[in-house]
Amino acid sequence: MKRKLFFYIIIAMVSFNLMSIVALASTDISYVQAENSDIEVRVDDIGYQYKVIDNVLYRRLYNFTARKPLGDWEVAP
């Protein structure tokens, strides 16, 4: 009796596992791609701003997005 019950439980567990595998295989997974117009860039454009005074090249970090300097003028190497 115990052997029969154990056998039925094993059969039930295997069949439930196979049903989930078959269900996963039959579902269609599709991904939605966002259009480029939906993407908003939030990264600041930071770079060096250069100027020449008395034939010496100077530079400073500048935030081109906010139009604000991020540092003082220094001699460019």
N, C-alpha and C. Protein backbone atom coordinates (compact mmCIF):
# COMPACT_ATOMS: atom_id res chain seq x y z
N MET A 1 0.83 -1.20 0.00
CA MET A 1 0.00 0.00 0.00
C MET A 1 0.87 1.26 0.00
N LYS A 2 1.88 1.28 0.88
CA LYS A 2 2.75 2.45 0.95
C LYS A 2 3.55 2.60 -0.35
N ARG A 3 3.93 1.52 -0.93
CA ARG A 3 4.69 1.55 -2.17
C ARG A 3 3.84 2.11 -3.31
N LYS A 4 2.56 1.74 -3.36
CA LYS A 4 1.66 2.25 -4.38
C LYS A 4 1.43 3.75 -4.21
N LEU A 5 1.23 4.19 -2.98
CA LEU A 5 1.03 5.61 -2.69
C LEU A 5 2.28 6.40 -3.08
N PHE A 6 3.43 5.90 -2.72
CA PHE A 6 4.69 6.55 -3.07
C PHE A 6 4.85 6.64 -4.59
N PHE A 7 4.50 5.59 -5.30
CA PHE A 7 4.58 5.56 -6.75
C PHE A 7 3.65 6.61 -7.37
N TYR A 8 2.42 6.74 -6.86
CA TYR A 8 1.47 7.73 -7.38
C TYR A 8 1.93 9.17 -7.10
N ILE A 9 2.53 9.37 -5.96
CA ILE A 9 3.03 10.71 -5.63
C ILE A 9 4.17 11.08 -6.57
N ILE A 10 5.05 10.14 -6.85
CA ILE A 10 6.16 10.40 -7.78
C ILE A 10 5.63 10.70 -9.17
N ILE A 11 4.64 9.93 -9.62
CA ILE A 11 4.04 10.16 -10.95
C ILE A 11 3.40 11.54 -11.00
N ALA A 12 2.69 11.94 -9.95
CA ALA A 12 2.03 13.24 -9.91
C ALA A 12 3.08 14.36 -9.95
N MET A 13 4.17 14.24 -9.20
CA MET A 13 5.20 15.27 -9.19
C MET A 13 5.87 15.42 -10.56
N VAL A 14 6.15 14.31 -11.19
CA VAL A 14 6.78 14.36 -12.51
C VAL A 14 5.84 14.98 -13.54
N SER A 15 4.56 14.63 -13.48
CA SER A 15 3.61 15.18 -14.45
C SER A 15 3.42 16.68 -14.24
N PHE A 16 3.40 17.15 -12.98
CA PHE A 16 3.28 18.58 -12.74
C PHE A 16 4.51 19.33 -13.24
N ASN A 17 5.67 18.75 -13.05
CA ASN A 17 6.89 19.38 -13.56
C ASN A 17 6.89 19.44 -15.08
N LEU A 18 6.45 18.39 -15.73
CA LEU A 18 6.39 18.39 -17.19
C LEU A 18 5.37 19.38 -17.71
N MET A 19 4.25 19.55 -17.00
CA MET A 19 3.24 20.52 -17.44
C MET A 19 3.80 21.94 -17.41
N SER A 20 4.59 22.29 -16.39
CA SER A 20 5.14 23.64 -16.32
C SER A 20 6.17 23.86 -17.43
N ILE A 21 6.93 22.83 -17.78
CA ILE A 21 7.91 22.95 -18.86
C ILE A 21 7.19 23.13 -20.19
N VAL A 22 6.13 22.37 -20.42
CA VAL A 22 5.36 22.50 -21.66
C VAL A 22 4.69 23.86 -21.72
N ALA A 23 4.17 24.36 -20.60
CA ALA A 23 3.52 25.66 -20.59
C ALA A 23 4.53 26.77 -20.89
N LEU A 24 5.72 26.68 -20.35
CA LEU A 24 6.74 27.69 -20.63
C LEU A 24 7.19 27.64 -22.08
N ALA A 25 7.25 26.47 -22.65
CA ALA A 25 7.69 26.34 -24.03
C ALA A 25 6.65 26.87 -25.01
N SER A 26 5.38 26.83 -24.63
CA SER A 26 4.34 27.25 -25.55
C SER A 26 4.05 28.75 -25.49
N THR A 27 4.52 29.44 -24.44
CA THR A 27 4.25 30.87 -24.35
C THR A 27 5.19 31.63 -25.27
N ASP A 28 4.69 32.70 -25.85
CA ASP A 28 5.47 33.53 -26.75
C ASP A 28 5.96 34.74 -25.96
N ILE A 29 7.26 34.86 -25.83
CA ILE A 29 7.84 35.97 -25.10
C ILE A 29 8.26 37.02 -26.13
N SER A 30 7.71 38.21 -26.00
CA SER A 30 8.07 39.28 -26.92
C SER A 30 8.49 40.49 -26.10
N TYR A 31 9.47 41.21 -26.61
CA TYR A 31 9.99 42.39 -25.94
C TYR A 31 9.56 43.62 -26.71
N VAL A 32 9.23 44.65 -25.98
CA VAL A 32 8.83 45.91 -26.60
C VAL A 32 10.04 46.83 -26.60
N GLN A 33 10.39 47.32 -27.76
CA GLN A 33 11.51 48.25 -27.86
C GLN A 33 10.98 49.67 -27.82
N ALA A 34 11.64 50.50 -27.06
CA ALA A 34 11.25 51.90 -26.97
C ALA A 34 11.74 52.64 -28.20
N GLU A 35 10.94 53.56 -28.65
CA GLU A 35 11.36 54.37 -29.79
C GLU A 35 12.36 55.41 -29.30
N ASN A 36 13.16 55.91 -30.20
CA ASN A 36 14.16 56.90 -29.83
C ASN A 36 13.54 58.19 -29.32
N SER A 37 12.32 58.50 -29.74
CA SER A 37 11.68 59.73 -29.29
C SER A 37 11.24 59.63 -27.84
N ASP A 38 11.13 58.42 -27.29
CA ASP A 38 10.72 58.26 -25.89
C ASP A 38 11.89 58.40 -24.93
N ILE A 39 13.11 58.39 -25.43
CA ILE A 39 14.29 58.42 -24.57
C ILE A 39 14.72 59.87 -24.37
N GLU A 40 14.91 60.22 -23.09
CA GLU A 40 15.36 61.56 -22.77
C GLU A 40 16.75 61.46 -22.15
N VAL A 41 17.71 62.13 -22.75
CA VAL A 41 19.08 62.08 -22.27
C VAL A 41 19.22 63.05 -21.11
N ARG A 42 19.73 62.56 -19.98
CA ARG A 42 19.87 63.40 -18.80
C ARG A 42 21.33 63.57 -18.38
N VAL A 43 22.25 63.24 -19.22
CA VAL A 43 23.66 63.36 -18.89
C VAL A 43 24.15 64.72 -19.35
N ASP A 44 24.87 65.40 -18.46
CA ASP A 44 25.42 66.70 -18.83
C ASP A 44 26.60 66.52 -19.79
N ASP A 45 26.70 67.47 -20.72
CA ASP A 45 27.81 67.48 -21.67
C ASP A 45 28.93 68.32 -21.05
N ILE A 46 29.95 67.66 -20.52
CA ILE A 46 31.04 68.33 -19.82
C ILE A 46 32.31 68.14 -20.62
N GLY A 47 33.01 69.23 -20.82
CA GLY A 47 34.26 69.18 -21.56
C GLY A 47 35.11 70.40 -21.23
N TYR A 48 36.23 70.51 -21.92
CA TYR A 48 37.12 71.65 -21.70
C TYR A 48 36.77 72.79 -22.63
N GLN A 49 36.89 74.00 -22.09
CA GLN A 49 36.73 75.21 -22.87
C GLN A 49 38.12 75.85 -22.94
N TYR A 50 38.52 76.28 -24.11
CA TYR A 50 39.89 76.78 -24.30
C TYR A 50 39.86 78.24 -24.69
N LYS A 51 40.95 78.94 -24.32
CA LYS A 51 41.16 80.31 -24.80
C LYS A 51 42.66 80.58 -24.81
N VAL A 52 43.08 81.54 -25.63
CA VAL A 52 44.49 81.89 -25.77
C VAL A 52 44.67 83.33 -25.31
N ILE A 53 45.60 83.54 -24.36
CA ILE A 53 45.94 84.87 -23.89
C ILE A 53 47.46 85.00 -23.98
N ASP A 54 47.92 85.98 -24.75
CA ASP A 54 49.36 86.23 -24.95
C ASP A 54 50.09 84.97 -25.42
N ASN A 55 49.52 84.29 -26.38
CA ASN A 55 50.07 83.06 -26.97
C ASN A 55 50.22 81.92 -25.97
N VAL A 56 49.46 81.93 -24.88
CA VAL A 56 49.44 80.85 -23.89
C VAL A 56 48.04 80.26 -23.90
N LEU A 57 47.97 78.94 -24.02
CA LEU A 57 46.68 78.26 -24.09
C LEU A 57 46.18 77.94 -22.69
N TYR A 58 44.97 78.37 -22.39
CA TYR A 58 44.33 78.10 -21.10
C TYR A 58 43.10 77.22 -21.33
N ARG A 59 42.74 76.48 -20.28
CA ARG A 59 41.54 75.65 -20.37
C ARG A 59 40.84 75.63 -19.01
N ARG A 60 39.55 75.29 -19.04
CA ARG A 60 38.78 75.06 -17.83
C ARG A 60 37.66 74.08 -18.15
N LEU A 61 37.23 73.35 -17.13
CA LEU A 61 36.09 72.45 -17.31
C LEU A 61 34.83 73.28 -17.43
N TYR A 62 33.97 72.85 -18.35
CA TYR A 62 32.76 73.62 -18.63
C TYR A 62 31.60 72.67 -18.85
N ASN A 63 30.46 72.98 -18.25
CA ASN A 63 29.23 72.22 -18.46
C ASN A 63 28.47 72.90 -19.60
N PHE A 64 28.52 72.29 -20.78
CA PHE A 64 27.88 72.88 -21.95
C PHE A 64 26.37 72.77 -21.90
N THR A 65 25.84 71.84 -21.13
CA THR A 65 24.39 71.70 -21.01
C THR A 65 23.82 72.84 -20.17
N ALA A 66 24.44 73.09 -19.01
CA ALA A 66 23.96 74.15 -18.12
C ALA A 66 24.60 75.50 -18.43
N ARG A 67 25.60 75.50 -19.31
CA ARG A 67 26.33 76.70 -19.68
C ARG A 67 26.95 77.39 -18.47
N LYS A 68 27.66 76.57 -17.65
CA LYS A 68 28.32 77.08 -16.45
C LYS A 68 29.73 76.51 -16.38
N PRO A 69 30.70 77.34 -15.97
CA PRO A 69 32.05 76.81 -15.77
C PRO A 69 32.11 75.96 -14.50
N LEU A 70 32.94 74.92 -14.53
CA LEU A 70 33.08 74.03 -13.38
C LEU A 70 34.41 74.21 -12.67
N GLY A 71 35.25 75.09 -13.17
CA GLY A 71 36.53 75.30 -12.54
C GLY A 71 37.15 76.61 -13.03
N ASP A 72 38.35 76.87 -12.53
CA ASP A 72 39.07 78.07 -12.93
C ASP A 72 39.93 77.79 -14.15
N TRP A 73 40.38 78.88 -14.79
CA TRP A 73 41.26 78.76 -15.93
C TRP A 73 42.62 78.26 -15.47
N GLU A 74 43.21 77.34 -16.22
CA GLU A 74 44.55 76.82 -15.93
C GLU A 74 45.32 76.70 -17.24
N VAL A 75 46.62 76.68 -17.14
CA VAL A 75 47.45 76.53 -18.35
C VAL A 75 47.31 75.12 -18.86
N ALA A 76 46.99 75.01 -20.13
CA ALA A 76 46.79 73.68 -20.73
C ALA A 76 48.16 73.05 -20.98
N PRO A 77 48.28 71.77 -20.68
CA PRO A 77 49.58 71.10 -20.92
C PRO A 77 49.86 70.88 -22.39
